[in-house]
Amino acid sequence: MVFKEDYEELILFTSLRGHAWNCARERGPILNLILSNCMKYFSIVVAALSIMNISTAQNAWIANDSTGSFHRAWGDLNDSGLVVKETSDGYYIDVKGEPQYLSKHYTLDQKHDFKIEVTLKMRNMAEDASGCGLFFGGGESYKQGYEFLMARNGNYVIGQVTYAGYTKIESGNSKGAIKTASWESNKLTMMRREGYWTFCINDVEMTTRQTYPFAGDRIGFFVDAKSAILVTSFKIYDWTLAASLLQYEKEPVRFVKLYDHFYDNKNNWSLTNDADVELSIHDGVYTMDNKTDGVYCAWNSADLGTFFDNYSLETQIKHQGGVNDWGYGLTFGLKDMDNRFVFFVSADGSAKIAKRQNGNWIDIMKWTQFDAIGRGDQTNHLEVRKINGVWTFYVNDQLIYSGPAQSFFGNKFGLYAEHRQKVSMNDIKVTQLYFPKN
């Protein structure tokens, strides 16, 4: 593998923007902040940062930044109007003054299929603010480029910036796809596939549009005035290039079949309160209070199709009270209570994977202690992936088990709780994975 060293500069553009979501927005004059290698900068018009960008033409990842790598890739800045720094949780951008664009040069073939993706958390953003998100296809000025933004009111907007002004391409309500509470994680993805742009929030498709020519090769972030975000990952991936690189693990295209983060009951989850169980939705969580010595499951359906081969199942769950040494977690591939799979953890730090077939329990992985499991009332992220016939199970992004995948009994997925305990599910997502061959 051959590495080429480039030097490029991180440029931050300040602009004046209107705060109403549907209004036309006027752009102010450019403030280029160019930081020097020694992190000194001029505060009048231009400050400069030269940073090393290591790239490789033999890699489908054009960018793959995450916690621990942002400082090397993007650099830091601290002045009266803007704070940009790497933290233990991600890349923190705090706009104290006017709205800001942060962008870098990335070589990306516009005839290829690719994705641009950012995962971030919002903080202190007004309900009517323009929001935050992706800036892409940018020229050497904030007056050229495209935006894919989300706002705290649950809306998204796709727009184009030119010297003539701002043009809204499309906007709308995300219908619950955007997690609107402070510091909740949201993923924005812009994909170019087979001549169209597709825009997704948390892997849920918002719209598919015709492609537009890029004004330049600058890609990065937009953050509105007096707002802060924490970027936990930033990715650019070239599917066309990846097709010829057999030695690399491939990135899938994701098709969401079930997604819920419980800001309403749009998917008609069971709700009840009796002597045995209470099931309720409040404040963005689905809560199950099992008042018996038995097992309760609550589920919804997701059709992964007849010919699907790869998928991902995810949930964020939390133990809220009761016994610490019984399981709670994700039930999947469920047909009925006698035929189902379960991936569960316990509040004392153990995990188990099992199936119930024709009323009989069969262990896939026996109870095992893992440091990755959050104890007590800590939230745990559980994920099951099937890729090329192999199951992998993760707790808080740590692999705990892999083995041959098994066929589902049915197409139901949901929450599971044993014995007398109260648990909650913050979200659930069932996703079909497709690996392009082109």
Protein backbone atom coordinates (compact mmCIF):
# COMPACT_ATOMS: atom_id res chain seq x y z
CA MET A 1 0.00 0.00 0.00
CA VAL A 2 1.34 3.41 -0.97
CA PHE A 3 0.64 6.42 1.24
CA LYS A 4 0.77 9.93 -0.05
CA GLU A 5 1.19 12.87 2.29
CA ASP A 6 -0.79 16.02 1.60
CA TYR A 7 -0.96 19.29 3.46
CA GLU A 8 -4.22 21.11 3.47
CA GLU A 9 -5.98 23.68 5.52
CA LEU A 10 -9.10 23.56 7.61
CA ILE A 11 -11.25 26.52 6.64
CA LEU A 12 -14.09 27.82 8.73
CA PHE A 13 -16.57 30.15 7.06
CA THR A 14 -18.72 32.49 9.09
CA SER A 15 -22.06 33.47 7.58
CA LEU A 16 -25.11 35.45 8.60
CA ARG A 17 -28.26 33.33 8.37
CA GLY A 18 -31.93 33.83 9.07
CA HIS A 19 -33.38 31.78 11.94
CA ALA A 20 -36.78 30.90 10.44
CA TRP A 21 -36.71 27.41 8.93
CA ASN A 22 -38.58 28.31 5.75
CA CYS A 23 -37.22 31.76 5.13
CA ALA A 24 -34.66 32.75 2.51
CA ARG A 25 -31.29 33.22 4.14
CA GLU A 26 -28.84 36.00 3.46
CA ARG A 27 -25.15 35.26 3.60
CA GLY A 28 -22.66 37.62 5.18
CA PRO A 29 -19.06 38.22 4.17
CA ILE A 30 -16.51 35.41 4.46
CA LEU A 31 -14.36 35.07 7.53
CA ASN A 32 -11.63 32.59 6.67
CA LEU A 33 -9.93 31.23 9.77
CA ILE A 34 -6.68 29.62 8.72
CA LEU A 35 -4.69 28.08 11.53
CA SER A 36 -0.92 27.59 11.39
CA ASN A 37 0.83 24.32 12.25
CA CYS A 38 1.82 25.68 15.64
CA MET A 39 -1.85 26.48 16.33
CA LYS A 40 -1.32 30.28 16.35
CA TYR A 41 -3.86 32.30 14.45
CA PHE A 42 -4.81 35.82 13.44
CA SER A 43 -8.20 36.99 14.68
CA ILE A 44 -8.88 39.78 12.17
CA VAL A 45 -9.91 38.11 8.91
CA VAL A 46 -7.83 35.00 8.28
CA ALA A 47 -6.26 32.40 10.54
CA ALA A 48 -4.67 29.20 9.22
CA LEU A 49 -4.12 25.60 10.26
CA SER A 50 -1.95 23.36 8.11
CA ILE A 51 -2.51 19.77 9.00
CA MET A 52 -1.29 16.54 7.53
CA ASN A 53 -3.89 14.53 5.65
CA ILE A 54 -2.72 10.99 4.94
CA SER A 55 -4.68 9.46 2.08
CA THR A 56 -4.46 6.38 -0.05
CA ALA A 57 -5.80 5.75 -3.52
CA GLN A 58 -6.04 2.08 -2.61
CA ASN A 59 -8.71 2.56 0.03
CA ALA A 60 -12.46 3.03 -0.46
CA TRP A 61 -12.53 5.14 2.72
CA ILE A 62 -12.00 8.74 1.66
CA ALA A 63 -12.55 9.75 5.30
CA ASN A 64 -13.19 7.67 8.40
CA ASP A 65 -12.83 9.91 11.45
CA SER A 66 -14.07 8.96 14.89
CA THR A 67 -13.33 9.63 18.53
CA GLY A 68 -9.58 9.83 18.97
CA SER A 69 -8.75 10.81 15.38
CA PHE A 70 -10.45 14.18 14.92
CA HIS A 71 -7.54 16.21 16.28
CA ARG A 72 -5.18 14.75 13.69
CA ALA A 73 -7.74 15.17 10.90
CA TRP A 74 -9.36 18.51 11.75
CA GLY A 75 -7.37 20.37 14.40
CA ASP A 76 -8.46 22.60 17.30
CA LEU A 77 -9.46 26.25 17.66
CA ASN A 78 -10.42 28.40 20.62
CA ASP A 79 -11.44 32.03 20.34
CA SER A 80 -14.28 34.28 21.46
CA GLY A 81 -16.63 33.20 18.65
CA LEU A 82 -15.85 29.52 18.19
CA VAL A 83 -14.47 26.57 20.13
CA VAL A 84 -13.41 23.49 18.17
CA LYS A 85 -11.65 20.70 20.04
CA GLU A 86 -11.22 16.96 20.40
CA THR A 87 -12.74 15.54 23.58
CA SER A 88 -12.90 12.03 25.00
CA ASP A 89 -16.42 11.74 23.52
CA GLY A 90 -15.81 13.17 20.03
CA TYR A 91 -15.20 16.40 18.12
CA TYR A 92 -16.83 19.32 19.93
CA ILE A 93 -17.93 22.38 17.94
CA ASP A 94 -19.33 25.29 19.96
CA VAL A 95 -20.47 28.30 17.89
CA LYS A 96 -20.71 31.29 20.22
CA GLY A 97 -21.25 33.87 17.49
CA GLU A 98 -22.35 33.71 13.86
CA PRO A 99 -23.12 30.40 12.06
CA GLN A 100 -20.10 28.45 10.92
CA TYR A 101 -19.07 26.11 8.12
CA LEU A 102 -16.14 23.79 8.79
CA SER A 103 -14.84 22.03 5.69
CA LYS A 104 -11.85 20.27 4.15
CA HIS A 105 -10.75 19.15 0.69
CA TYR A 106 -11.66 15.56 -0.22
CA THR A 107 -11.02 14.00 -3.62
CA LEU A 108 -14.28 12.32 -4.61
CA ASP A 109 -15.21 11.18 -8.13
CA GLN A 110 -18.69 12.54 -8.88
CA LYS A 111 -19.38 9.68 -11.30
CA HIS A 112 -18.89 7.09 -8.55
CA ASP A 113 -21.43 5.80 -6.05
CA PHE A 114 -20.52 7.02 -2.58
CA LYS A 115 -21.84 8.12 0.79
CA ILE A 116 -21.08 11.06 3.07
CA GLU A 117 -22.13 10.50 6.66
CA VAL A 118 -21.90 12.27 10.00
CA THR A 119 -23.06 11.10 13.43
CA LEU A 120 -23.54 13.92 15.91
CA LYS A 121 -25.32 15.14 19.01
CA MET A 122 -27.06 18.52 19.24
CA ARG A 123 -27.03 20.90 22.19
CA ASN A 124 -28.52 24.34 22.95
CA MET A 125 -30.24 24.70 19.60
CA ALA A 126 -33.35 26.87 19.31
CA GLU A 127 -36.52 25.24 18.00
CA ASP A 128 -36.62 27.59 14.99
CA ALA A 129 -32.88 27.53 14.24
CA SER A 130 -31.62 26.41 10.83
CA GLY A 131 -30.01 23.46 12.55
CA CYS A 132 -26.79 21.58 11.93
CA GLY A 133 -25.47 18.85 9.70
CA LEU A 134 -23.57 18.19 6.49
CA PHE A 135 -22.01 20.68 4.12
CA PHE A 136 -20.80 19.11 0.85
CA GLY A 137 -19.82 19.91 -2.71
CA GLY A 138 -18.43 23.24 -1.53
CA GLY A 139 -16.23 25.62 -3.46
CA GLU A 140 -13.67 27.96 -1.97
CA SER A 141 -16.42 30.07 -0.45
CA TYR A 142 -19.41 29.43 1.76
CA LYS A 143 -21.44 30.92 -1.13
CA GLN A 144 -21.05 27.63 -3.03
CA GLY A 145 -22.17 24.22 -1.86
CA TYR A 146 -25.02 22.11 -0.45
CA GLU A 147 -26.48 21.54 3.00
CA PHE A 148 -28.30 18.64 4.58
CA LEU A 149 -29.43 19.85 8.00
CA MET A 150 -31.68 18.77 10.84
CA ALA A 151 -33.29 20.95 13.50
CA ARG A 152 -34.52 20.52 17.04
CA ASN A 153 -38.15 20.80 15.90
CA GLY A 154 -37.81 17.50 14.00
CA ASN A 155 -37.55 19.05 10.53
CA TYR A 156 -34.86 18.56 7.92
CA VAL A 157 -33.83 20.74 4.99
CA ILE A 158 -31.72 20.23 1.88
CA GLY A 159 -30.47 23.40 0.25
CA GLN A 160 -28.03 24.85 -2.23
CA VAL A 161 -25.85 27.90 -1.65
CA THR A 162 -24.71 29.95 -4.66
CA TYR A 163 -23.48 33.48 -5.21
CA ALA A 164 -27.07 34.33 -6.18
CA GLY A 165 -28.35 33.29 -2.75
CA TYR A 166 -29.86 30.29 -1.00
CA THR A 167 -32.23 27.84 -2.71
CA LYS A 168 -34.19 25.31 -0.72
CA ILE A 169 -34.24 22.00 -2.60
CA GLU A 170 -36.52 20.21 -0.16
CA SER A 171 -37.64 20.36 3.46
CA GLY A 172 -40.05 18.45 5.62
CA ASN A 173 -40.78 16.76 8.90
CA SER A 174 -38.65 13.71 9.62
CA LYS A 175 -41.73 11.93 11.06
CA GLY A 176 -39.91 10.92 14.19
CA ALA A 177 -36.58 9.94 12.63
CA ILE A 178 -34.75 12.84 14.29
CA LYS A 179 -34.06 12.44 18.00
CA THR A 180 -34.75 15.95 19.21
CA ALA A 181 -33.58 15.88 22.84
CA SER A 182 -30.22 17.44 23.75
CA TRP A 183 -27.22 15.16 23.32
CA GLU A 184 -29.13 12.37 21.61
CA SER A 185 -27.19 10.84 18.73
CA ASN A 186 -28.38 11.32 15.13
CA LYS A 187 -26.83 10.10 11.89
CA LEU A 188 -27.17 12.04 8.63
CA THR A 189 -26.26 10.24 5.41
CA MET A 190 -26.12 11.58 1.87
CA MET A 191 -25.71 8.77 -0.70
CA ARG A 192 -25.13 8.90 -4.43
CA ARG A 193 -26.49 5.67 -5.90
CA GLU A 194 -27.15 4.93 -9.59
CA GLY A 195 -27.46 8.57 -10.59
CA TYR A 196 -29.58 9.81 -7.66
CA TRP A 197 -28.97 11.40 -4.30
CA THR A 198 -30.66 9.74 -1.33
CA PHE A 199 -30.82 11.50 2.06
CA CYS A 200 -31.30 9.48 5.26
CA ILE A 201 -31.58 10.32 8.95
CA ASN A 202 -30.72 7.45 11.28
CA ASP A 203 -30.82 5.22 8.16
CA VAL A 204 -34.45 6.21 7.50
CA GLU A 205 -34.86 7.59 3.98
CA MET A 206 -36.12 11.18 3.86
CA THR A 207 -36.03 11.71 0.08
CA THR A 208 -34.36 10.75 -3.19
CA ARG A 209 -33.48 13.55 -5.59
CA GLN A 210 -31.72 14.15 -8.88
CA THR A 211 -28.00 14.82 -8.60
CA TYR A 212 -26.52 18.31 -8.84
CA PRO A 213 -22.98 19.21 -9.89
CA PHE A 214 -20.62 19.93 -7.00
CA ALA A 215 -19.13 23.42 -6.91
CA GLY A 216 -15.93 22.04 -5.43
CA ASP A 217 -14.45 19.32 -3.25
CA ARG A 218 -15.02 20.81 0.20
CA ILE A 219 -16.99 18.63 2.63
CA GLY A 220 -17.67 19.16 6.31
CA PHE A 221 -20.18 20.55 8.78
CA PHE A 222 -22.56 23.45 9.30
CA VAL A 223 -23.50 24.66 12.80
CA ASP A 224 -26.00 27.44 13.40
CA ALA A 225 -25.41 30.50 15.59
CA LYS A 226 -25.08 30.00 19.34
CA SER A 227 -25.32 26.24 19.00
CA ALA A 228 -23.05 23.34 19.87
CA ILE A 229 -22.66 19.83 18.50
CA LEU A 230 -20.53 16.81 19.28
CA VAL A 231 -19.43 14.88 16.19
CA THR A 232 -18.75 11.23 17.00
CA SER A 233 -18.01 10.01 13.47
CA PHE A 234 -17.47 11.43 9.98
CA LYS A 235 -17.25 9.11 6.97
CA ILE A 236 -16.88 9.30 3.21
CA TYR A 237 -16.98 5.96 1.42
CA ASP A 238 -16.66 5.16 -2.30
CA TRP A 239 -18.69 2.06 -3.25
CA THR A 240 -17.45 2.07 -6.85
CA LEU A 241 -13.83 1.98 -5.71
CA ALA A 242 -14.63 -0.62 -3.05
CA ALA A 243 -15.96 -3.08 -5.64
CA SER A 244 -12.41 -3.66 -6.93
CA LEU A 245 -10.78 -3.91 -3.49
CA LEU A 246 -11.53 -7.43 -2.36
CA GLN A 247 -9.17 -7.26 0.61
CA TYR A 248 -11.26 -4.64 2.42
CA GLU A 249 -14.38 -5.13 4.50
CA LYS A 250 -17.22 -3.49 2.61
CA GLU A 251 -19.71 -0.89 3.80
CA PRO A 252 -23.39 -1.76 3.22
CA VAL A 253 -26.29 0.26 1.94
CA ARG A 254 -28.93 0.20 4.68
CA PHE A 255 -32.68 -0.26 4.21
CA VAL A 256 -34.59 0.29 7.46
CA LYS A 257 -37.56 -2.04 7.95
CA LEU A 258 -38.51 -1.01 11.49
CA TYR A 259 -37.37 2.09 13.38
CA ASP A 260 -38.85 3.58 16.51
CA HIS A 261 -37.55 5.86 19.23
CA PHE A 262 -40.90 6.22 20.98
CA TYR A 263 -41.75 9.90 20.76
CA ASP A 264 -45.23 8.63 19.92
CA ASN A 265 -46.86 5.25 19.35
CA LYS A 266 -46.92 5.34 15.54
CA ASN A 267 -46.10 1.61 15.39
CA ASN A 268 -48.89 0.61 17.80
CA TRP A 269 -46.85 -1.04 20.53
CA SER A 270 -48.88 -2.82 23.18
CA LEU A 271 -49.89 -0.54 26.06
CA THR A 272 -51.44 -1.92 29.23
CA ASN A 273 -51.38 -1.75 33.02
CA ASP A 274 -52.71 -4.68 35.04
CA ALA A 275 -51.65 -6.95 37.88
CA ASP A 276 -49.02 -8.73 35.74
CA VAL A 277 -47.36 -6.07 33.60
CA GLU A 278 -47.32 -2.37 32.77
CA LEU A 279 -46.38 -1.31 29.24
CA SER A 280 -46.17 2.42 28.55
CA ILE A 281 -44.57 5.07 26.33
CA HIS A 282 -43.37 8.27 27.99
CA ASP A 283 -40.63 10.79 27.19
CA GLY A 284 -39.15 8.81 24.32
CA VAL A 285 -38.90 5.40 25.99
CA TYR A 286 -40.97 2.22 25.91
CA THR A 287 -41.17 0.81 29.44
CA MET A 288 -42.00 -2.71 30.55
CA ASP A 289 -42.62 -3.41 34.25
CA ASN A 290 -42.81 -7.18 34.69
CA LYS A 291 -44.61 -7.80 38.00
CA THR A 292 -44.49 -11.61 37.78
CA ASP A 293 -41.95 -14.43 38.15
CA GLY A 294 -42.37 -15.23 34.45
CA VAL A 295 -41.35 -13.71 31.12
CA TYR A 296 -42.88 -10.88 29.10
CA CYS A 297 -42.21 -9.91 25.49
CA ALA A 298 -43.54 -6.95 23.51
CA TRP A 299 -42.89 -6.88 19.78
CA ASN A 300 -43.50 -5.36 16.38
CA SER A 301 -43.15 -6.78 12.88
CA ALA A 302 -40.47 -6.04 10.29
CA ASP A 303 -40.46 -7.67 6.87
CA LEU A 304 -36.87 -8.34 5.83
CA GLY A 305 -38.06 -10.00 2.62
CA THR A 306 -37.75 -13.49 1.20
CA PHE A 307 -34.31 -13.10 -0.35
CA PHE A 308 -32.51 -10.98 2.25
CA ASP A 309 -29.11 -12.21 3.31
CA ASN A 310 -27.65 -9.62 5.65
CA TYR A 311 -29.19 -7.51 8.41
CA SER A 312 -28.62 -5.57 11.61
CA LEU A 313 -30.84 -5.51 14.71
CA GLU A 314 -30.24 -2.80 17.32
CA THR A 315 -31.75 -1.49 20.53
CA GLN A 316 -30.84 0.79 23.43
CA ILE A 317 -32.14 -0.70 26.68
CA LYS A 318 -31.99 0.12 30.36
CA HIS A 319 -32.67 -1.65 33.66
CA GLN A 320 -34.78 0.64 35.84
CA GLY A 321 -35.39 -1.50 38.90
CA GLY A 322 -36.11 -4.93 40.34
CA VAL A 323 -33.96 -8.07 40.28
CA ASN A 324 -30.35 -7.74 39.06
CA ASP A 325 -29.61 -11.34 38.07
CA TRP A 326 -32.34 -12.05 35.50
CA GLY A 327 -32.25 -11.23 31.83
CA TYR A 328 -33.66 -8.34 29.83
CA GLY A 329 -32.98 -7.37 26.25
CA LEU A 330 -33.86 -8.01 22.62
CA THR A 331 -36.16 -10.74 21.35
CA PHE A 332 -35.88 -11.34 17.61
CA GLY A 333 -36.95 -13.67 14.82
CA LEU A 334 -40.05 -14.34 16.92
CA LYS A 335 -43.04 -16.31 15.68
CA ASP A 336 -44.72 -16.82 19.06
CA MET A 337 -43.68 -17.23 22.70
CA ASP A 338 -42.61 -20.84 22.06
CA ASN A 339 -40.49 -20.01 19.01
CA ARG A 340 -38.13 -17.06 19.30
CA PHE A 341 -34.54 -15.91 19.82
CA VAL A 342 -33.36 -13.78 22.75
CA PHE A 343 -30.23 -11.68 23.25
CA PHE A 344 -30.28 -10.50 26.84
CA VAL A 345 -28.09 -8.97 29.52
CA SER A 346 -28.50 -8.61 33.27
CA ALA A 347 -27.97 -5.68 35.59
CA ASP A 348 -25.03 -7.52 37.22
CA GLY A 349 -23.03 -7.54 33.95
CA SER A 350 -23.78 -10.88 32.29
CA ALA A 351 -25.08 -11.73 28.82
CA LYS A 352 -26.77 -14.74 27.25
CA ILE A 353 -27.96 -15.72 23.75
CA ALA A 354 -30.59 -18.44 23.39
CA LYS A 355 -33.54 -19.64 21.39
CA ARG A 356 -36.83 -21.16 22.43
CA GLN A 357 -37.89 -23.78 19.91
CA ASN A 358 -41.21 -25.59 20.24
CA GLY A 359 -41.28 -24.54 23.89
CA ASN A 360 -37.75 -25.78 24.73
CA TRP A 361 -34.78 -23.56 25.59
CA ILE A 362 -31.51 -24.08 23.65
CA ASP A 363 -28.43 -22.06 24.62
CA ILE A 364 -26.37 -20.41 21.88
CA MET A 365 -24.08 -18.66 24.40
CA LYS A 366 -24.44 -19.44 28.10
CA TRP A 367 -24.46 -16.72 30.75
CA THR A 368 -21.08 -14.96 30.62
CA GLN A 369 -19.71 -11.89 32.41
CA PHE A 370 -18.45 -9.02 30.20
CA ASP A 371 -16.84 -5.74 31.21
CA ALA A 372 -18.57 -4.06 28.23
CA ILE A 373 -22.00 -4.45 29.84
CA GLY A 374 -23.27 -1.44 31.76
CA ARG A 375 -24.21 -2.41 35.31
CA GLY A 376 -27.29 -1.36 37.25
CA ASP A 377 -29.34 1.30 35.50
CA GLN A 378 -26.75 2.09 32.81
CA THR A 379 -28.03 2.08 29.23
CA ASN A 380 -26.78 -0.77 27.04
CA HIS A 381 -26.66 -0.81 23.25
CA LEU A 382 -27.31 -4.32 21.89
CA GLU A 383 -26.74 -5.23 18.26
CA VAL A 384 -27.03 -8.42 16.23
CA ARG A 385 -25.54 -8.54 12.73
CA LYS A 386 -25.81 -11.21 10.08
CA ILE A 387 -23.25 -10.83 7.28
CA ASN A 388 -22.46 -13.64 4.84
CA GLY A 389 -24.02 -16.30 7.03
CA VAL A 390 -22.26 -15.28 10.25
CA TRP A 391 -23.92 -13.86 13.35
CA THR A 392 -22.04 -11.32 15.47
CA PHE A 393 -23.40 -9.98 18.77
CA TYR A 394 -22.28 -6.68 20.30
CA VAL A 395 -22.81 -4.92 23.62
CA ASN A 396 -21.91 -1.23 23.55
CA ASP A 397 -20.01 -1.85 20.28
CA GLN A 398 -17.88 -4.62 21.85
CA LEU A 399 -18.04 -8.02 20.14
CA ILE A 400 -19.09 -10.72 22.63
CA TYR A 401 -20.02 -13.66 20.36
CA SER A 402 -19.83 -14.83 16.74
CA GLY A 403 -21.05 -18.02 15.12
CA PRO A 404 -23.13 -19.46 12.29
CA ALA A 405 -26.38 -17.56 11.72
CA GLN A 406 -29.67 -19.40 12.20
CA SER A 407 -32.99 -18.97 10.43
CA PHE A 408 -35.68 -16.91 12.10
CA PHE A 409 -38.93 -18.46 13.29
CA GLY A 410 -40.86 -15.32 12.40
CA ASN A 411 -40.58 -11.62 11.61
CA LYS A 412 -41.24 -10.06 15.03
CA PHE A 413 -38.73 -8.04 17.08
CA GLY A 414 -38.98 -6.32 20.45
CA LEU A 415 -38.35 -6.06 24.19
CA TYR A 416 -37.90 -8.94 26.62
CA ALA A 417 -37.84 -9.05 30.44
CA GLU A 418 -37.59 -11.95 32.89
CA HIS A 419 -38.85 -12.06 36.46
CA ARG A 420 -39.74 -9.02 38.54
CA GLN A 421 -37.92 -6.12 36.94
CA LYS A 422 -38.65 -2.86 35.20
CA VAL A 423 -36.81 -2.16 31.94
CA SER A 424 -37.06 0.35 29.12
CA MET A 425 -36.16 0.52 25.44
CA ASN A 426 -34.99 3.89 24.08
CA ASP A 427 -35.10 2.78 20.45
CA ILE A 428 -35.18 -0.22 18.15
CA LYS A 429 -33.99 -0.56 14.54
CA VAL A 430 -34.23 -3.49 12.13
CA THR A 431 -32.16 -2.89 9.00
CA GLN A 432 -31.55 -4.87 5.84
CA LEU A 433 -27.93 -4.60 4.61
CA TYR A 434 -27.02 -4.60 0.95
CA PHE A 435 -23.44 -4.74 -0.33
CA PRO A 436 -23.17 -3.25 -3.85
CA LYS A 437 -21.28 -5.31 -6.39
CA ASN A 438 -20.54 -2.56 -8.92
